[in-house]
């Protein structure tokens, strides 16, 4: 979900153990000046002001990384909450199991982003999946997911599954050089809060993904919080359509984040006939169709949707306007 500083050295290729597991209490805000959402910064400040366990704190080339435990486990990147262990399954189960419920057989999967391994955990539940290529730009987030015991417990050691191939690379560069074809493409990019990140949600990139998708394949893309940035949500869908896809959009309530949206894109018109596979998830409604229903107020913002392209990047401006 929402995602330059100098590297801090890692010891023996593992997670930096400094302060890992140490009980600490602080009065200052180490995240001040970060680019995270204001609510997340306030929440993190309050956690750090009281007794908590600092599971990891460091910096990569791209972002500040901070994982803390209080009643739950939370990962912050640049001061912005990525997940809480209390409700992350709601996000990841809606993200992954909805496309699987629509597609007969998914054997080859591409994941763009998702370096924490949580979406990967859900994908690997399906034995029909033969291979998963995961692309993330930040090696330190992936290393955290591979070596931190708390995060490994959450992601079920997903990176150690022999079906997984990990690429530490810019997603745009990977897609440009890719020659493989996938049955499912999972896009877990950061929210388009600045111009650089808005460049991940363009017609041009989606057109390249069109060529990487099998004829009967699906793309699922995280598409921001409807209650915070509804125009961004609909604009991502419209941009997929301009790239030649048919789309369907859906949403679910995640207490840590609000009313969160997702976009499905396919080369053929989607038929919403769901196969509910019991045992794979616990948070989806019995009638998945409910996730595709929207309150009338949300439809109003669809009229404002715009196409986001490399020559005319709009999403970051809309995102920041709607988020105040």
Protein backbone atom coordinates (compact mmCIF):
# COMPACT_ATOMS: atom_id res chain seq x y z
CA UNK A 1 0.00 0.00 0.00
CA UNK A 2 1.28 3.53 0.61
CA UNK A 3 5.04 3.55 0.44
CA UNK A 4 16.47 9.15 -0.04
CA UNK A 5 18.56 8.37 2.25
CA UNK A 6 21.89 6.67 2.73
CA UNK A 7 21.99 2.98 3.58
CA UNK A 8 22.66 1.85 7.11
CA UNK A 9 24.97 -1.22 7.04
CA UNK A 10 23.44 -4.62 7.72
CA UNK A 11 25.31 -7.11 9.82
CA UNK A 12 26.31 -10.34 8.06
CA UNK A 13 23.57 -9.81 5.49
CA UNK A 14 20.89 -10.09 8.19
CA UNK A 15 18.52 -7.60 9.74
CA UNK A 16 20.35 -4.99 11.80
CA UNK A 17 19.89 -6.26 15.38
CA UNK A 18 20.34 -2.86 17.01
CA UNK A 19 17.38 -2.31 19.36
CA UNK A 20 15.53 -5.36 17.97
CA UNK A 21 13.25 -6.66 20.71
CA UNK A 22 14.37 -3.95 23.14
CA UNK A 23 11.70 -2.41 25.35
CA UNK A 24 12.02 1.34 24.98
CA UNK A 25 10.17 4.52 25.88
CA UNK A 26 10.63 7.79 24.05
CA UNK A 27 9.28 11.29 24.22
CA UNK A 28 10.41 12.57 20.82
CA UNK A 29 9.13 11.81 17.33
CA UNK A 30 11.80 10.13 15.18
CA UNK A 31 9.53 10.29 12.15
CA UNK A 32 9.19 14.07 12.11
CA UNK A 33 9.71 15.47 8.66
CA UNK A 34 8.88 12.19 6.94
CA UNK A 35 6.53 12.01 3.99
CA UNK A 36 4.03 9.72 5.72
CA UNK A 37 0.35 10.44 6.11
CA UNK A 38 -0.31 12.83 9.02
CA UNK A 39 -2.67 10.44 10.80
CA UNK A 40 -0.08 7.66 10.60
CA UNK A 41 2.64 9.94 11.97
CA UNK A 42 0.46 10.96 14.90
CA UNK A 43 -0.39 7.32 15.60
CA UNK A 44 3.25 6.23 15.41
CA UNK A 45 4.29 9.10 17.68
CA UNK A 46 1.85 7.93 20.35
CA UNK A 47 3.05 4.33 20.08
CA UNK A 48 6.67 5.43 20.44
CA UNK A 49 5.83 7.68 23.39
CA UNK A 50 4.71 4.66 25.42
CA UNK A 51 6.12 1.23 26.13
CA UNK A 52 6.56 -0.77 22.96
CA UNK A 53 8.93 -3.22 21.31
CA UNK A 54 11.09 -1.82 18.52
CA UNK A 55 11.37 -4.75 16.09
CA UNK A 56 13.42 -2.95 13.47
CA UNK A 57 14.42 0.60 12.63
CA UNK A 58 16.66 1.58 9.75
CA UNK A 59 16.88 3.17 6.33
CA UNK A 60 17.20 1.86 2.82
CA UNK A 61 18.19 3.78 -0.28
CA UNK A 62 14.53 4.61 -0.80
CA UNK A 63 12.79 4.97 2.56
CA UNK A 64 12.77 4.85 6.35
CA UNK A 65 11.73 1.43 7.64
CA UNK A 66 10.24 1.05 11.10
CA UNK A 67 8.53 -2.03 12.52
CA UNK A 68 7.09 -1.84 16.03
CA UNK A 69 5.00 -4.00 18.32
CA UNK A 70 2.53 -2.91 20.94
CA UNK A 71 -0.71 -4.90 20.98
CA UNK A 72 -0.07 -5.63 17.32
CA UNK A 73 2.82 -5.62 14.84
CA UNK A 74 3.01 -2.61 12.53
CA UNK A 75 5.28 -1.74 9.61
CA UNK A 76 5.84 1.91 8.69
CA UNK A 77 7.63 3.10 5.57
CA UNK A 78 8.52 6.80 5.57
CA UNK A 79 6.24 7.17 8.56
CA UNK A 80 3.25 5.73 6.74
CA UNK A 81 1.50 2.63 8.01
CA UNK A 82 1.80 -0.34 5.65
CA UNK A 83 -0.04 -2.89 7.74
CA UNK A 84 -1.25 -3.80 11.20
CA UNK A 85 -1.24 -7.48 12.10
CA UNK A 86 -4.74 -6.98 13.55
CA UNK A 87 -6.41 -6.50 10.17
CA UNK A 88 -3.86 -6.97 7.35
CA UNK A 89 -5.60 -10.21 6.35
CA UNK A 90 -8.71 -8.24 5.38
CA UNK A 91 -6.65 -6.29 2.85
CA UNK A 92 -4.63 -9.20 1.51
CA UNK A 93 -7.50 -11.67 1.34
CA UNK A 94 -9.65 -9.23 -0.63
CA UNK A 95 -6.64 -8.39 -2.79
CA UNK A 96 -5.77 -11.99 -3.72
CA UNK A 97 -8.76 -14.26 -3.26
CA UNK A 98 -11.23 -12.17 -5.27
CA UNK A 99 -9.26 -12.63 -8.54
CA UNK A 100 -8.67 -16.30 -7.70
CA UNK A 101 -12.42 -16.76 -7.19
CA UNK A 102 -13.01 -15.42 -10.73
CA UNK A 103 -10.28 -17.31 -12.58
CA UNK A 104 -10.39 -21.03 -13.28
CA UNK A 105 -6.68 -21.83 -13.18
CA UNK A 106 -3.81 -19.53 -12.25
CA UNK A 107 -0.37 -21.05 -12.72
CA UNK A 108 1.99 -18.12 -13.34
CA UNK A 109 1.81 -15.00 -11.16
CA UNK A 110 3.66 -11.68 -11.21
CA UNK A 111 3.66 -9.50 -8.08
CA UNK A 112 4.83 -5.89 -8.42
CA UNK A 113 5.61 -4.53 -4.96
CA UNK A 114 4.53 -6.58 -1.96
CA UNK A 115 8.00 -6.93 -0.49
CA UNK A 116 6.59 -7.78 2.95
CA UNK A 117 5.49 -11.17 1.57
CA UNK A 118 1.90 -10.92 2.84
CA UNK A 119 0.17 -11.00 -0.56
CA UNK A 120 2.62 -13.76 -1.47
CA UNK A 121 1.40 -15.77 1.52
CA UNK A 122 -2.14 -15.76 0.15
CA UNK A 123 -1.09 -16.62 -3.43
CA UNK A 124 0.92 -19.64 -2.29
CA UNK A 125 -2.13 -21.21 -0.66
CA UNK A 126 -3.14 -22.36 -4.15
CA UNK A 127 -1.34 -25.53 -5.21
CA UNK A 128 -2.27 -24.80 -8.84
CA UNK A 129 0.23 -21.91 -8.78
CA UNK A 130 3.46 -23.15 -10.38
CA UNK A 131 5.59 -20.00 -10.17
CA UNK A 132 5.51 -16.49 -8.69
CA UNK A 133 7.85 -13.69 -9.78
CA UNK A 134 7.96 -10.95 -7.15
CA UNK A 135 9.50 -7.59 -8.05
CA UNK A 136 10.30 -5.03 -5.37
CA UNK A 137 12.68 -2.11 -5.59
CA UNK A 138 13.73 -2.17 -1.92
CA UNK A 139 16.04 -5.04 -0.97
CA UNK A 140 15.88 -4.14 2.71
CA UNK A 141 12.12 -4.61 2.93
CA UNK A 142 12.50 -8.02 1.29
CA UNK A 143 15.35 -8.92 3.64
CA UNK A 144 13.19 -7.90 6.58
CA UNK A 145 10.44 -10.19 5.29
CA UNK A 146 12.94 -13.04 4.93
CA UNK A 147 14.81 -12.71 8.22
CA UNK A 148 12.73 -10.89 10.85
CA UNK A 149 11.01 -13.52 12.98
CA UNK A 150 7.89 -11.44 13.62
CA UNK A 151 7.35 -10.67 9.94
CA UNK A 152 8.20 -14.24 8.94
CA UNK A 153 5.50 -15.43 11.34
CA UNK A 154 3.02 -13.16 9.58
CA UNK A 155 3.99 -14.03 6.01
CA UNK A 156 4.37 -17.76 6.72
CA UNK A 157 7.98 -17.73 5.43
CA UNK A 158 6.54 -17.15 1.96
CA UNK A 159 9.86 -16.18 0.38
CA UNK A 160 11.23 -19.65 1.11
CA UNK A 161 8.67 -21.40 -1.07
CA UNK A 162 10.50 -22.95 -4.04
CA UNK A 163 7.92 -21.52 -6.43
CA UNK A 164 9.00 -17.94 -5.65
CA UNK A 165 11.53 -15.96 -7.68
CA UNK A 166 12.51 -12.58 -6.25
CA UNK A 167 13.77 -9.66 -8.33
CA UNK A 168 15.14 -6.53 -6.62
CA UNK A 169 14.38 -4.12 -9.39
CA UNK A 170 12.35 -1.10 -10.40
CA UNK A 171 8.99 -2.45 -11.57
CA UNK A 172 8.93 -0.22 -14.65
CA UNK A 173 12.33 -1.51 -15.76
CA UNK A 174 11.33 -5.12 -15.09
CA UNK A 175 8.09 -4.82 -17.05
CA UNK A 176 9.84 -3.11 -19.96
CA UNK A 177 12.28 -6.01 -20.40
CA UNK A 178 9.89 -8.82 -19.46
CA UNK A 179 9.03 -11.45 -22.08
CA UNK A 180 6.98 -13.78 -19.87
CA UNK A 181 3.20 -14.12 -19.90
CA UNK A 182 1.29 -14.38 -16.61
CA UNK A 183 -2.18 -15.60 -15.62
CA UNK A 184 -2.39 -13.10 -12.75
CA UNK A 185 -0.55 -9.81 -12.19
CA UNK A 186 -0.79 -8.32 -8.70
CA UNK A 187 0.07 -4.62 -8.40
CA UNK A 188 0.82 -3.53 -4.84
CA UNK A 189 2.38 -0.16 -5.57
CA UNK A 190 2.49 2.70 -3.05
CA UNK A 191 -0.26 5.28 -3.23
CA UNK A 192 0.43 8.00 -5.85
CA UNK A 193 1.26 10.66 -3.28
CA UNK A 194 3.98 12.30 -5.40
CA UNK A 195 4.89 12.64 -9.06
CA UNK A 196 7.33 9.72 -9.00
CA UNK A 197 4.74 7.34 -7.57
CA UNK A 198 2.01 8.66 -9.85
CA UNK A 199 4.25 7.48 -12.69
CA UNK A 200 3.53 3.89 -11.64
CA UNK A 201 -0.14 4.22 -12.58
CA UNK A 202 0.09 5.32 -16.20
CA UNK A 203 -1.50 4.25 -19.46
CA UNK A 204 1.98 3.48 -20.80
CA UNK A 205 2.87 1.04 -18.02
CA UNK A 206 -0.56 -0.60 -18.14
CA UNK A 207 -0.16 -1.08 -21.90
CA UNK A 208 3.09 -2.96 -21.28
CA UNK A 209 1.31 -5.11 -18.71
CA UNK A 210 -1.35 -5.87 -21.32
CA UNK A 211 1.32 -7.70 -23.33
CA UNK A 212 2.47 -9.58 -20.21
CA UNK A 213 -1.01 -10.92 -19.45
CA UNK A 214 -2.42 -14.15 -20.85
CA UNK A 215 -5.59 -13.86 -22.95
CA UNK A 216 -7.75 -15.12 -20.07
CA UNK A 217 -5.63 -13.52 -17.36
CA UNK A 218 -6.42 -10.96 -14.69
CA UNK A 219 -4.69 -7.95 -13.19
CA UNK A 220 -5.57 -6.80 -9.69
CA UNK A 221 -4.30 -3.40 -8.55
CA UNK A 222 -4.55 -1.77 -5.14
CA UNK A 223 -6.41 1.46 -5.78
CA UNK A 224 -6.40 3.62 -2.64
CA UNK A 225 -9.00 4.45 -0.02
CA UNK A 226 -12.36 5.46 -1.44
CA UNK A 227 -13.26 7.49 1.63
CA UNK A 228 -10.00 9.48 1.34
CA UNK A 229 -9.30 9.65 -2.41
CA UNK A 230 -12.36 8.51 -4.40
CA UNK A 231 -11.35 10.30 -7.61
CA UNK A 232 -7.97 8.55 -7.52
CA UNK A 233 -9.76 5.20 -7.19
CA UNK A 234 -11.95 5.74 -10.25
CA UNK A 235 -9.07 7.30 -12.21
CA UNK A 236 -6.97 4.15 -11.84
CA UNK A 237 -9.84 2.17 -13.35
CA UNK A 238 -10.28 4.66 -16.18
CA UNK A 239 -6.54 4.57 -16.93
CA UNK A 240 -6.67 0.77 -17.22
CA UNK A 241 -9.57 1.14 -19.66
CA UNK A 242 -7.62 3.60 -21.80
CA UNK A 243 -4.84 0.96 -21.94
CA UNK A 244 -7.30 -1.48 -23.53
CA UNK A 245 -8.62 -3.41 -20.53
CA UNK A 246 -12.08 -4.21 -19.32
CA UNK A 247 -12.37 -3.34 -15.65
CA UNK A 248 -14.35 -4.08 -12.51
CA UNK A 249 -13.71 -2.31 -9.22
CA UNK A 250 -14.46 -3.37 -5.66
CA UNK A 251 -13.72 -2.39 -2.07
CA UNK A 252 -13.69 -3.56 1.53
CA UNK A 253 -13.47 -1.97 4.98
CA UNK A 254 -10.06 -2.24 6.66
CA UNK A 255 -10.16 -0.62 10.13
CA UNK A 256 -6.53 0.57 9.96
CA UNK A 257 -7.02 2.22 6.56
CA UNK A 258 -10.70 2.85 5.86
CA UNK A 259 -12.76 1.84 2.84
CA UNK A 260 -10.10 0.38 0.56
CA UNK A 261 -10.45 -0.05 -3.19
CA UNK A 262 -9.11 -2.51 -5.77
CA UNK A 263 -9.26 -2.65 -9.57
CA UNK A 264 -9.59 -5.80 -11.69
CA UNK A 265 -8.47 -5.56 -15.32
CA UNK A 266 -8.78 -8.17 -18.08
CA UNK A 267 -8.53 -8.49 -21.85
CA UNK A 268 -12.03 -9.94 -22.01
CA UNK A 269 -15.18 -8.66 -20.39
CA UNK A 270 -15.38 -10.02 -16.85
CA UNK A 271 -18.30 -12.14 -15.74
CA UNK A 272 -18.80 -11.91 -12.00
CA UNK A 273 -19.37 -15.59 -11.30
CA UNK A 274 -17.47 -16.39 -8.13
CA UNK A 275 -16.16 -19.71 -6.92
CA UNK A 276 -15.90 -19.46 -3.15
CA UNK A 277 -13.13 -21.84 -2.14
CA UNK A 278 -13.59 -22.64 1.54
CA UNK A 279 -10.50 -22.79 3.70
CA UNK A 280 -8.49 -20.23 1.74
CA UNK A 281 -9.74 -17.13 3.54
CA UNK A 282 -11.74 -16.09 6.59
CA UNK A 283 -12.54 -12.39 6.10
CA UNK A 284 -14.39 -12.24 2.77
CA UNK A 285 -18.20 -12.16 2.83
CA UNK A 286 -20.08 -15.29 1.78
CA UNK A 287 -21.45 -13.25 -1.12
CA UNK A 288 -18.35 -11.69 -2.74
CA UNK A 289 -20.63 -9.70 -5.04
CA UNK A 290 -21.23 -7.35 -2.10
CA UNK A 291 -17.68 -6.01 -2.49
CA UNK A 292 -18.62 -4.67 -5.94
CA UNK A 293 -21.47 -2.53 -4.63
CA UNK A 294 -20.93 1.15 -3.85
CA UNK A 295 -22.82 3.83 -1.98
CA UNK A 296 -24.39 6.48 -4.26
CA UNK A 297 -21.99 9.16 -2.99
CA UNK A 298 -19.03 7.25 -4.41
CA UNK A 299 -20.50 7.14 -7.92
CA UNK A 300 -20.51 10.95 -7.98
CA UNK A 301 -16.69 10.97 -7.98
CA UNK A 302 -16.51 8.65 -10.97
CA UNK A 303 -17.54 11.60 -13.14
CA UNK A 304 -14.35 13.38 -12.08
CA UNK A 305 -12.03 10.52 -13.05
CA UNK A 306 -9.10 11.35 -15.31
CA UNK A 307 -6.62 9.35 -17.38
CA UNK A 308 -3.12 9.32 -15.94
CA UNK A 309 -0.31 9.26 -18.52
CA UNK A 310 3.40 9.94 -18.55
CA UNK A 311 2.83 13.22 -20.38
CA UNK A 312 -0.05 14.26 -18.11
CA UNK A 313 0.45 12.98 -14.59
CA UNK A 314 -2.61 13.87 -12.53
CA UNK A 315 -2.93 11.32 -9.76
CA UNK A 316 -0.51 12.86 -7.26
CA UNK A 317 -2.22 16.25 -7.46
CA UNK A 318 -5.66 14.68 -7.02
CA UNK A 319 -4.40 12.41 -4.24
CA UNK A 320 -2.98 15.29 -2.23
CA UNK A 321 -5.98 17.52 -2.84
CA UNK A 322 -8.43 14.85 -1.69
CA UNK A 323 -6.26 13.93 1.30
CA UNK A 324 -6.11 17.56 2.35
